[in-house]
Amino acid sequence: MSHTDIKQNKLIAMLPEAARPYALLMRLDRPIGIWLLLLPGLWSIAMASGDRPFLDTGFLKAVALFALGAVIMRGAGCIVNDLWDVRFDRAVERTRTRPLASGAIKPWQAAGLLLALFLFGLVILLQFELVTILLGFLSLPLIVLYPLMKRWTWWPQAFLGLTFNFGALMGWSAMKDVLEPAALLLYAAGFFWTLGYDTIYAHQDKEDDALVGVKSTARLFGSESRQWVAGFYGVSFFLLALAGLAGGAGILYFLALVPAAAHHYRQVTDWAMDDPRDSLRRFKAARDFGLIVFVGAVLGRLF
């Protein structure tokens, strides 16, 4: 990020100059990743909560801890990604100014911050019961290995889906200390949702990725990406509806899925696949879909 970009980002500009590269390393200037990591957990917390979630201290505590955990673990995931990908990042226009790629932070400094974040994440995780703690530890190998997938498979987006949606399992267990079919359906719904939005995201870098040998579903699907993304979103919608049935959601949850589906339809049909800026806009719009589902899950417990 250039000096001008830092001045334009109020959060980063407020920090001491020495702290700014570390904030950029954690992508604190780009909160969309935090939202996309957090939202599947919020779906589960809301659907597994009681009939009056906003008056339930367990619900409020879980939401607060998951939000803090999403900030920490998304930051940790970005550091792991940049440690693995520093050579690739230097060769891609969009990523060459990242702190590790540019040399603003040394690898040992990044590793020190990563260790601190994992320790903070552990403190948060230990606030929950055994099932949630175990699920948290199960997610760690996925976080560490995900950045390597773009070297080994054309489907790194699928591995991200497995990683980013663990919150759907953990949110349910945080409320009930057990996994039930609805939680597994929410996890599967999040998986296909991630396949869709991260394929859109990967279209930003498809030309640079081809030059450096990075694989992605964007390169795999090519001009047929719109149909694939529409299919992924359609499966995600179907699984969300099944999760609502399995979880005993009220009618307002299912009504909320209608504007959520309309939102996805517009994002896919209007998507300019060869415009990196438009791909970024469509990727960021996935947050709005997730928020609609969350609000529907909360209202579905009230009515």
Protein backbone atom coordinates (compact mmCIF):
# COMPACT_ATOMS: atom_id res chain seq x y z
CA MET A 1 0.00 0.00 0.00
CA SER A 2 1.40 3.37 -1.00
CA HIS A 3 1.68 6.40 1.26
CA THR A 4 -1.38 7.88 -0.47
CA ASP A 5 -3.39 4.70 0.07
CA ILE A 6 -2.47 4.72 3.77
CA LYS A 7 -3.70 8.28 4.13
CA GLN A 8 -6.98 7.30 2.47
CA ASN A 9 -7.52 4.39 4.88
CA LYS A 10 -8.54 5.97 8.17
CA LEU A 11 -7.91 2.89 10.29
CA ILE A 12 -4.35 2.43 9.08
CA ALA A 13 -3.59 6.16 9.20
CA MET A 14 -4.60 6.29 12.88
CA LEU A 15 -1.95 3.75 13.85
CA PRO A 16 1.66 4.58 14.74
CA GLU A 17 3.85 4.42 11.66
CA ALA A 18 5.77 1.40 12.96
CA ALA A 19 2.52 -0.57 13.38
CA ARG A 20 1.12 0.12 9.92
CA PRO A 21 3.00 -2.62 8.01
CA TYR A 22 1.75 -5.19 10.54
CA ALA A 23 -1.84 -3.97 10.17
CA LEU A 24 -1.47 -4.24 6.40
CA LEU A 25 0.01 -7.72 6.77
CA MET A 26 -3.18 -8.71 8.66
CA ARG A 27 -5.29 -6.98 5.92
CA LEU A 28 -7.01 -4.80 8.51
CA ASP A 29 -7.49 -2.29 5.73
CA ARG A 30 -9.66 -4.87 3.92
CA PRO A 31 -12.31 -6.07 6.38
CA ILE A 32 -14.28 -8.02 3.77
CA GLY A 33 -12.26 -11.14 4.61
CA ILE A 34 -13.22 -10.80 8.27
CA TRP A 35 -16.89 -10.62 7.34
CA LEU A 36 -16.73 -13.66 5.08
CA LEU A 37 -14.98 -15.69 7.78
CA LEU A 38 -17.39 -14.53 10.49
CA LEU A 39 -20.76 -14.83 8.76
CA PRO A 40 -21.11 -18.66 8.59
CA GLY A 41 -20.48 -18.74 12.33
CA LEU A 42 -23.14 -16.09 12.86
CA TRP A 43 -25.62 -18.13 10.81
CA SER A 44 -25.10 -21.10 13.11
CA ILE A 45 -25.13 -19.08 16.32
CA ALA A 46 -28.42 -17.46 15.36
CA MET A 47 -30.11 -20.64 14.15
CA ALA A 48 -28.98 -22.64 17.19
CA SER A 49 -29.97 -19.92 19.68
CA GLY A 50 -33.13 -19.65 21.72
CA ASP A 51 -36.36 -17.91 20.76
CA ARG A 52 -35.17 -14.48 21.96
CA PRO A 53 -31.53 -14.34 20.83
CA PHE A 54 -30.90 -10.64 21.45
CA LEU A 55 -31.90 -11.10 25.09
CA ASP A 56 -29.80 -14.24 25.47
CA THR A 57 -26.40 -13.57 27.05
CA GLY A 58 -25.07 -16.80 25.54
CA PHE A 59 -25.93 -15.53 22.05
CA LEU A 60 -24.35 -12.12 22.66
CA LYS A 61 -21.21 -13.64 24.17
CA ALA A 62 -20.80 -16.06 21.26
CA VAL A 63 -21.25 -13.28 18.67
CA ALA A 64 -18.67 -11.08 20.42
CA LEU A 65 -16.10 -13.88 20.76
CA PHE A 66 -16.59 -15.06 17.18
CA ALA A 67 -16.20 -11.50 15.89
CA LEU A 68 -12.93 -11.04 17.78
CA GLY A 69 -11.79 -14.49 16.72
CA ALA A 70 -12.55 -13.71 13.07
CA VAL A 71 -10.33 -10.62 13.18
CA ILE A 72 -7.48 -12.58 14.77
CA MET A 73 -7.70 -15.75 12.69
CA ARG A 74 -8.24 -13.94 9.40
CA GLY A 75 -5.12 -11.93 10.19
CA ALA A 76 -3.24 -15.11 11.02
CA GLY A 77 -4.40 -16.71 7.79
CA CYS A 78 -3.19 -13.73 5.77
CA ILE A 79 0.24 -13.97 7.38
CA VAL A 80 0.47 -17.70 6.64
CA ASN A 81 -0.59 -16.99 3.06
CA ASP A 82 2.03 -14.26 2.59
CA LEU A 83 4.80 -16.34 4.12
CA TRP A 84 4.10 -19.12 1.65
CA ASP A 85 3.46 -16.81 -1.32
CA VAL A 86 6.09 -14.09 -1.03
CA ARG A 87 7.71 -15.13 -4.33
CA PHE A 88 4.39 -15.19 -6.18
CA ASP A 89 3.28 -11.89 -4.63
CA ARG A 90 6.36 -10.12 -5.98
CA ALA A 91 5.39 -11.21 -9.50
CA VAL A 92 1.73 -10.09 -9.35
CA GLU A 93 0.87 -6.42 -9.82
CA ARG A 94 -1.92 -6.37 -7.21
CA THR A 95 0.17 -8.01 -4.46
CA ARG A 96 3.74 -6.82 -4.98
CA THR A 97 3.32 -4.00 -2.43
CA ARG A 98 2.30 -6.34 0.41
CA PRO A 99 4.61 -5.89 3.44
CA LEU A 100 6.49 -9.17 3.03
CA ALA A 101 6.75 -8.96 -0.75
CA SER A 102 7.99 -5.36 -0.59
CA GLY A 103 10.43 -6.04 2.24
CA ALA A 104 8.70 -3.71 4.73
CA ILE A 105 8.49 -6.67 7.14
CA LYS A 106 10.99 -9.49 7.52
CA PRO A 107 9.80 -13.11 7.63
CA TRP A 108 10.88 -13.52 11.27
CA GLN A 109 8.83 -10.47 12.23
CA ALA A 110 5.79 -11.88 10.46
CA ALA A 111 6.31 -15.23 12.20
CA GLY A 112 6.42 -13.49 15.58
CA LEU A 113 3.11 -11.73 14.93
CA LEU A 114 1.63 -15.01 13.70
CA LEU A 115 2.58 -16.75 16.95
CA ALA A 116 1.04 -13.92 18.99
CA LEU A 117 -2.20 -14.13 17.00
CA PHE A 118 -2.42 -17.89 17.47
CA LEU A 119 -1.97 -17.41 21.22
CA PHE A 120 -4.74 -14.79 21.32
CA GLY A 121 -6.92 -17.11 19.27
CA LEU A 122 -6.29 -19.91 21.76
CA VAL A 123 -7.38 -17.70 24.64
CA ILE A 124 -10.66 -17.00 22.83
CA LEU A 125 -11.16 -20.64 21.91
CA LEU A 126 -10.77 -21.74 25.53
CA GLN A 127 -13.85 -19.71 26.45
CA PHE A 128 -15.97 -22.43 24.82
CA GLU A 129 -16.78 -26.05 25.63
CA LEU A 130 -14.85 -29.12 24.49
CA VAL A 131 -16.52 -29.76 21.11
CA THR A 132 -15.89 -26.19 19.95
CA ILE A 133 -12.29 -26.30 21.17
CA LEU A 134 -11.64 -29.51 19.27
CA LEU A 135 -13.18 -28.06 16.11
CA GLY A 136 -10.93 -25.02 16.47
CA PHE A 137 -7.84 -27.20 16.58
CA LEU A 138 -9.09 -29.22 13.59
CA SER A 139 -9.24 -26.05 11.53
CA LEU A 140 -5.56 -25.19 12.05
CA PRO A 141 -4.08 -27.61 9.45
CA LEU A 142 -6.48 -26.19 6.87
CA ILE A 143 -5.34 -22.63 7.65
CA VAL A 144 -1.68 -23.61 7.26
CA LEU A 145 -2.10 -25.69 4.09
CA TYR A 146 -4.60 -23.56 2.15
CA PRO A 147 -2.03 -21.23 0.53
CA LEU A 148 -0.26 -24.23 -1.00
CA MET A 149 -3.37 -25.46 -2.81
CA LYS A 150 -2.97 -23.01 -5.68
CA ARG A 151 0.25 -24.85 -6.54
CA TRP A 152 -1.25 -28.35 -6.41
CA THR A 153 -4.84 -28.17 -7.66
CA TRP A 154 -7.11 -26.19 -9.93
CA TRP A 155 -9.58 -26.08 -7.02
CA PRO A 156 -7.91 -23.97 -4.29
CA GLN A 157 -11.28 -22.24 -3.87
CA ALA A 158 -12.73 -25.55 -2.66
CA PHE A 159 -10.04 -25.84 -0.01
CA LEU A 160 -10.77 -22.26 1.06
CA GLY A 161 -14.42 -23.25 1.37
CA LEU A 162 -13.50 -26.09 3.72
CA THR A 163 -11.36 -23.69 5.75
CA PHE A 164 -13.40 -20.50 5.86
CA ASN A 165 -16.68 -22.12 6.87
CA PHE A 166 -15.54 -23.98 9.98
CA GLY A 167 -17.36 -21.28 11.90
CA ALA A 168 -20.65 -22.84 10.83
CA LEU A 169 -19.71 -25.96 12.78
CA MET A 170 -18.16 -24.08 15.68
CA GLY A 171 -21.05 -21.66 16.03
CA TRP A 172 -23.52 -24.50 16.43
CA SER A 173 -21.37 -26.34 18.95
CA ALA A 174 -20.78 -23.08 20.85
CA MET A 175 -24.52 -22.81 21.44
CA LYS A 176 -25.38 -26.50 21.94
CA ASP A 177 -22.06 -28.27 22.60
CA VAL A 178 -22.96 -30.82 19.94
CA LEU A 179 -23.08 -30.99 16.15
CA GLU A 180 -26.46 -31.57 14.52
CA PRO A 181 -27.52 -32.02 10.86
CA ALA A 182 -28.41 -28.34 10.49
CA ALA A 183 -24.82 -27.37 11.31
CA LEU A 184 -23.45 -29.72 8.66
CA LEU A 185 -25.90 -28.29 6.12
CA LEU A 186 -24.83 -24.74 6.97
CA TYR A 187 -21.20 -25.78 6.56
CA ALA A 188 -21.97 -27.29 3.15
CA ALA A 189 -23.93 -24.18 2.15
CA GLY A 190 -21.00 -21.99 3.12
CA PHE A 191 -18.64 -24.23 1.16
CA PHE A 192 -20.53 -23.68 -2.11
CA TRP A 193 -21.01 -19.99 -1.30
CA THR A 194 -17.23 -19.65 -0.97
CA LEU A 195 -16.66 -21.54 -4.21
CA GLY A 196 -18.79 -18.91 -5.91
CA TYR A 197 -17.45 -15.69 -4.44
CA ASP A 198 -13.80 -16.79 -4.47
CA THR A 199 -14.02 -17.80 -8.12
CA ILE A 200 -15.20 -14.26 -8.78
CA TYR A 201 -12.31 -12.92 -6.69
CA ALA A 202 -9.76 -15.04 -8.60
CA HIS A 203 -10.80 -13.42 -11.88
CA GLN A 204 -8.90 -10.30 -10.77
CA ASP A 205 -5.57 -12.07 -11.11
CA LYS A 206 -6.18 -14.66 -13.82
CA GLU A 207 -3.70 -13.16 -16.27
CA ASP A 208 -0.92 -12.77 -13.70
CA ASP A 209 -1.74 -16.20 -12.29
CA ALA A 210 -1.26 -17.75 -15.72
CA LEU A 211 2.16 -16.13 -16.03
CA VAL A 212 3.44 -17.36 -12.66
CA GLY A 213 1.70 -20.76 -12.75
CA VAL A 214 -0.91 -20.22 -10.03
CA LYS A 215 -4.01 -22.38 -10.43
CA SER A 216 -7.59 -21.34 -9.71
CA THR A 217 -11.18 -22.12 -10.62
CA ALA A 218 -11.24 -18.80 -12.50
CA ARG A 219 -8.59 -20.13 -14.87
CA LEU A 220 -10.16 -23.59 -14.93
CA PHE A 221 -13.67 -22.39 -15.84
CA GLY A 222 -12.58 -19.50 -18.05
CA SER A 223 -15.47 -18.02 -20.04
CA GLU A 224 -17.89 -20.47 -18.40
CA SER A 225 -17.26 -19.06 -14.92
CA ARG A 226 -20.62 -17.28 -14.79
CA GLN A 227 -22.52 -20.56 -15.18
CA TRP A 228 -20.35 -22.29 -12.58
CA VAL A 229 -20.73 -19.49 -10.05
CA ALA A 230 -24.49 -19.43 -10.62
CA GLY A 231 -24.55 -23.18 -9.99
CA PHE A 232 -22.50 -22.88 -6.79
CA TYR A 233 -24.76 -20.12 -5.50
CA GLY A 234 -27.85 -22.16 -6.40
CA VAL A 235 -26.61 -25.19 -4.44
CA SER A 236 -25.73 -22.93 -1.51
CA PHE A 237 -29.26 -21.49 -1.50
CA PHE A 238 -30.80 -24.97 -1.55
CA LEU A 239 -28.61 -26.13 1.34
CA LEU A 240 -29.45 -23.02 3.36
CA ALA A 241 -33.14 -23.82 2.94
CA LEU A 242 -32.54 -27.42 4.06
CA ALA A 243 -30.56 -26.15 7.05
CA GLY A 244 -33.51 -23.97 8.04
CA LEU A 245 -35.84 -26.97 7.91
CA ALA A 246 -33.43 -29.15 9.89
CA GLY A 247 -32.78 -26.39 12.43
CA GLY A 248 -36.41 -25.48 13.01
CA ALA A 249 -36.12 -21.94 11.64
CA GLY A 250 -39.23 -19.81 11.53
CA ILE A 251 -40.99 -18.48 8.45
CA LEU A 252 -39.03 -15.22 8.40
CA TYR A 253 -35.81 -17.12 7.78
CA PHE A 254 -37.22 -18.61 4.59
CA LEU A 255 -38.66 -15.27 3.52
CA ALA A 256 -35.21 -13.71 3.98
CA LEU A 257 -33.76 -16.23 1.54
CA VAL A 258 -35.80 -14.61 -1.25
CA PRO A 259 -33.94 -11.24 -1.26
CA ALA A 260 -30.72 -13.14 -0.62
CA ALA A 261 -31.27 -15.19 -3.78
CA ALA A 262 -32.24 -12.06 -5.73
CA HIS A 263 -29.02 -10.40 -4.59
CA HIS A 264 -26.95 -13.31 -5.87
CA TYR A 265 -28.84 -13.40 -9.16
CA ARG A 266 -28.05 -9.76 -9.82
CA GLN A 267 -24.39 -10.15 -8.84
CA VAL A 268 -23.90 -13.04 -11.26
CA THR A 269 -25.89 -11.72 -14.21
CA ASP A 270 -24.32 -8.24 -14.09
CA TRP A 271 -20.76 -9.46 -13.51
CA ALA A 272 -18.14 -8.23 -16.00
CA MET A 273 -15.72 -11.16 -15.74
CA ASP A 274 -12.86 -9.46 -17.55
CA ASP A 275 -12.96 -6.30 -15.43
CA PRO A 276 -10.84 -6.79 -12.26
CA ARG A 277 -12.53 -3.88 -10.52
CA ASP A 278 -15.97 -5.30 -11.15
CA SER A 279 -14.85 -8.74 -9.96
CA LEU A 280 -13.68 -7.12 -6.72
CA ARG A 281 -17.05 -5.35 -6.32
CA ARG A 282 -18.97 -8.61 -6.86
CA PHE A 283 -16.69 -10.40 -4.40
CA LYS A 284 -17.28 -7.78 -1.72
CA ALA A 285 -21.03 -7.96 -2.34
CA ALA A 286 -20.99 -11.52 -0.97
CA ARG A 287 -20.96 -9.93 2.49
CA ASP A 288 -24.43 -8.52 1.90
CA PHE A 289 -25.78 -11.96 1.03
CA GLY A 290 -24.32 -13.35 4.24
CA LEU A 291 -25.79 -10.52 6.31
CA ILE A 292 -29.26 -11.08 4.85
CA VAL A 293 -29.06 -14.76 5.80
CA PHE A 294 -27.89 -13.85 9.31
CA VAL A 295 -30.72 -11.38 9.85
CA GLY A 296 -33.15 -13.98 8.55
CA ALA A 297 -31.74 -16.59 10.95
CA VAL A 298 -32.20 -14.21 13.89
CA LEU A 299 -35.73 -13.24 12.87
CA GLY A 300 -36.46 -16.90 12.25
CA ARG A 301 -35.88 -17.55 15.97
CA LEU A 302 -38.15 -14.68 16.97
CA PHE A 303 -41.07 -15.61 14.72
